[in-house]
Amino acid sequence: MAKIEIYTTDYCPYCKKAKALLAELGASFAEIDITSNEDDAMDKLYEKTGRSTVPQIFINDKFIGGCDDMFALHRSGELKELLK
């Protein structure tokens, strides 16, 4: 199974939606909750991805984007391939 990391905050509805989809697909993932250190963590993530929102989702160390990006991959069938 794929290695999945998802950077989240505890108050983000998109984070909850993304995690729910991964759970629905039976994918295990590592959640990195940045709520308590959000400013520093977001600075580091921005340097890495060019984005300043959560969730930020990585599959096999490749940045796939956020919640909307992951749902687009799911609709196209590409997400299941990435999760293998």
C-alpha atoms as a PDB file:
ATOM      1  CA  MET A   1       0.000   0.000   0.000  1.00  0.00           C
ATOM      2  CA  ALA A   2       1.101   3.575  -0.631  1.00  0.00           C
ATOM      3  CA  LYS A   3       2.760   5.792   1.946  1.00  0.00           C
ATOM      4  CA  ILE A   4       0.362   8.673   2.635  1.00  0.00           C
ATOM      5  CA  GLU A   5       1.005  11.789   4.702  1.00  0.00           C
ATOM      6  CA  ILE A   6      -1.623  14.442   5.241  1.00  0.00           C
ATOM      7  CA  TYR A   7      -0.887  17.746   6.953  1.00  0.00           C
ATOM      8  CA  THR A   8      -3.948  19.058   8.776  1.00  0.00           C
ATOM      9  CA  THR A   9      -5.318  21.408  11.401  1.00  0.00           C
ATOM     10  CA  ASP A  10      -7.950  20.320  13.880  1.00  0.00           C
ATOM     11  CA  TYR A  11     -10.490  22.946  12.751  1.00  0.00           C
ATOM     12  CA  CYS A  12     -10.286  22.479   8.964  1.00  0.00           C
ATOM     13  CA  PRO A  13     -13.408  20.997   7.323  1.00  0.00           C
ATOM     14  CA  TYR A  14     -11.462  20.158   4.147  1.00  0.00           C
ATOM     15  CA  CYS A  15      -8.991  18.160   6.213  1.00  0.00           C
ATOM     16  CA  LYS A  16     -11.844  16.146   7.688  1.00  0.00           C
ATOM     17  CA  LYS A  17     -13.314  15.580   4.223  1.00  0.00           C
ATOM     18  CA  ALA A  18      -9.957  14.412   2.815  1.00  0.00           C
ATOM     19  CA  LYS A  19      -9.353  12.050   5.746  1.00  0.00           C
ATOM     20  CA  ALA A  20     -12.876  10.638   5.369  1.00  0.00           C
ATOM     21  CA  LEU A  21     -12.261   9.826   1.697  1.00  0.00           C
ATOM     22  CA  LEU A  22      -8.984   8.089   2.493  1.00  0.00           C
ATOM     23  CA  ALA A  23     -10.679   6.100   5.251  1.00  0.00           C
ATOM     24  CA  GLU A  24     -13.559   5.206   2.923  1.00  0.00           C
ATOM     25  CA  LEU A  25     -11.018   3.867   0.431  1.00  0.00           C
ATOM     26  CA  GLY A  26      -9.377   1.819   3.179  1.00  0.00           C
ATOM     27  CA  ALA A  27      -6.104   3.725   2.946  1.00  0.00           C
ATOM     28  CA  SER A  28      -3.970   4.085   6.025  1.00  0.00           C
ATOM     29  CA  PHE A  29      -2.247   7.426   6.407  1.00  0.00           C
ATOM     30  CA  ALA A  30      -0.048   9.410   8.723  1.00  0.00           C
ATOM     31  CA  GLU A  31      -1.752  12.586   9.885  1.00  0.00           C
ATOM     32  CA  ILE A  32       0.525  15.456  10.832  1.00  0.00           C
ATOM     33  CA  ASP A  33      -1.589  17.912  12.809  1.00  0.00           C
ATOM     34  CA  ILE A  34       0.095  21.324  12.652  1.00  0.00           C
ATOM     35  CA  THR A  35      -2.508  23.175  14.743  1.00  0.00           C
ATOM     36  CA  SER A  36      -0.182  23.860  17.686  1.00  0.00           C
ATOM     37  CA  ASN A  37       2.693  25.104  15.504  1.00  0.00           C
ATOM     38  CA  GLU A  38       0.775  26.311  12.474  1.00  0.00           C
ATOM     39  CA  ASP A  39       2.830  29.360  11.460  1.00  0.00           C
ATOM     40  CA  ASP A  40       6.191  27.594  11.405  1.00  0.00           C
ATOM     41  CA  ALA A  41       4.793  24.450   9.824  1.00  0.00           C
ATOM     42  CA  MET A  42       2.962  26.406   7.117  1.00  0.00           C
ATOM     43  CA  ASP A  43       6.146  28.314   6.284  1.00  0.00           C
ATOM     44  CA  LYS A  44       7.994  25.024   5.778  1.00  0.00           C
ATOM     45  CA  LEU A  45       5.162  23.506   3.757  1.00  0.00           C
ATOM     46  CA  TYR A  46       4.927  26.628   1.600  1.00  0.00           C
ATOM     47  CA  GLU A  47       8.630  26.353   0.779  1.00  0.00           C
ATOM     48  CA  LYS A  48       8.083  22.721  -0.210  1.00  0.00           C
ATOM     49  CA  THR A  49       4.756  22.973  -2.092  1.00  0.00           C
ATOM     50  CA  GLY A  50       4.038  26.631  -2.855  1.00  0.00           C
ATOM     51  CA  ARG A  51       0.722  26.375  -1.000  1.00  0.00           C
ATOM     52  CA  SER A  52      -0.372  27.952   2.238  1.00  0.00           C
ATOM     53  CA  THR A  53      -3.521  25.967   3.024  1.00  0.00           C
ATOM     54  CA  VAL A  54      -4.337  22.596   4.517  1.00  0.00           C
ATOM     55  CA  PRO A  55      -4.751  19.798   3.915  1.00  0.00           C
ATOM     56  CA  GLN A  56      -1.563  19.119   2.060  1.00  0.00           C
ATOM     57  CA  ILE A  57      -1.411  15.533   0.891  1.00  0.00           C
ATOM     58  CA  PHE A  58       1.613  13.493  -0.127  1.00  0.00           C
ATOM     59  CA  ILE A  59       1.448  10.006  -1.630  1.00  0.00           C
ATOM     60  CA  ASN A  60       4.745   8.132  -1.811  1.00  0.00           C
ATOM     61  CA  ASP A  61       6.521  11.417  -1.029  1.00  0.00           C
ATOM     62  CA  LYS A  62       4.915  13.132  -4.043  1.00  0.00           C
ATOM     63  CA  PHE A  63       2.767  16.193  -3.351  1.00  0.00           C
ATOM     64  CA  ILE A  64      -0.657  15.637  -4.890  1.00  0.00           C
ATOM     65  CA  GLY A  65      -2.280  18.824  -3.585  1.00  0.00           C
ATOM     66  CA  GLY A  66      -5.161  19.489  -1.254  1.00  0.00           C
ATOM     67  CA  CYS A  67      -8.665  18.172  -0.737  1.00  0.00           C
ATOM     68  CA  ASP A  68     -10.093  19.330  -4.079  1.00  0.00           C
ATOM     69  CA  ASP A  69      -7.067  17.939  -5.918  1.00  0.00           C
ATOM     70  CA  MET A  70      -7.461  14.572  -4.223  1.00  0.00           C
ATOM     71  CA  PHE A  71     -11.187  14.422  -5.024  1.00  0.00           C
ATOM     72  CA  ALA A  72     -10.412  15.231  -8.673  1.00  0.00           C
ATOM     73  CA  LEU A  73      -7.935  12.335  -8.721  1.00  0.00           C
ATOM     74  CA  HIS A  74     -10.604  10.138  -7.163  1.00  0.00           C
ATOM     75  CA  ARG A  75     -13.208  11.090  -9.787  1.00  0.00           C
ATOM     76  CA  SER A  76     -10.758  10.355 -12.608  1.00  0.00           C
ATOM     77  CA  GLY A  77      -9.779   6.974 -11.140  1.00  0.00           C
ATOM     78  CA  GLU A  78      -6.154   8.035 -10.696  1.00  0.00           C
ATOM     79  CA  LEU A  79      -6.298   8.049  -6.892  1.00  0.00           C
ATOM     80  CA  LYS A  80      -6.894   4.302  -6.652  1.00  0.00           C
ATOM     81  CA  GLU A  81      -3.846   3.741  -8.859  1.00  0.00           C
ATOM     82  CA  LEU A  82      -1.738   5.987  -6.626  1.00  0.00           C
ATOM     83  CA  LEU A  83      -2.910   4.130  -3.532  1.00  0.00           C
ATOM     84  CA  LYS A  84      -1.733   0.723  -4.784  1.00  0.00           C
END
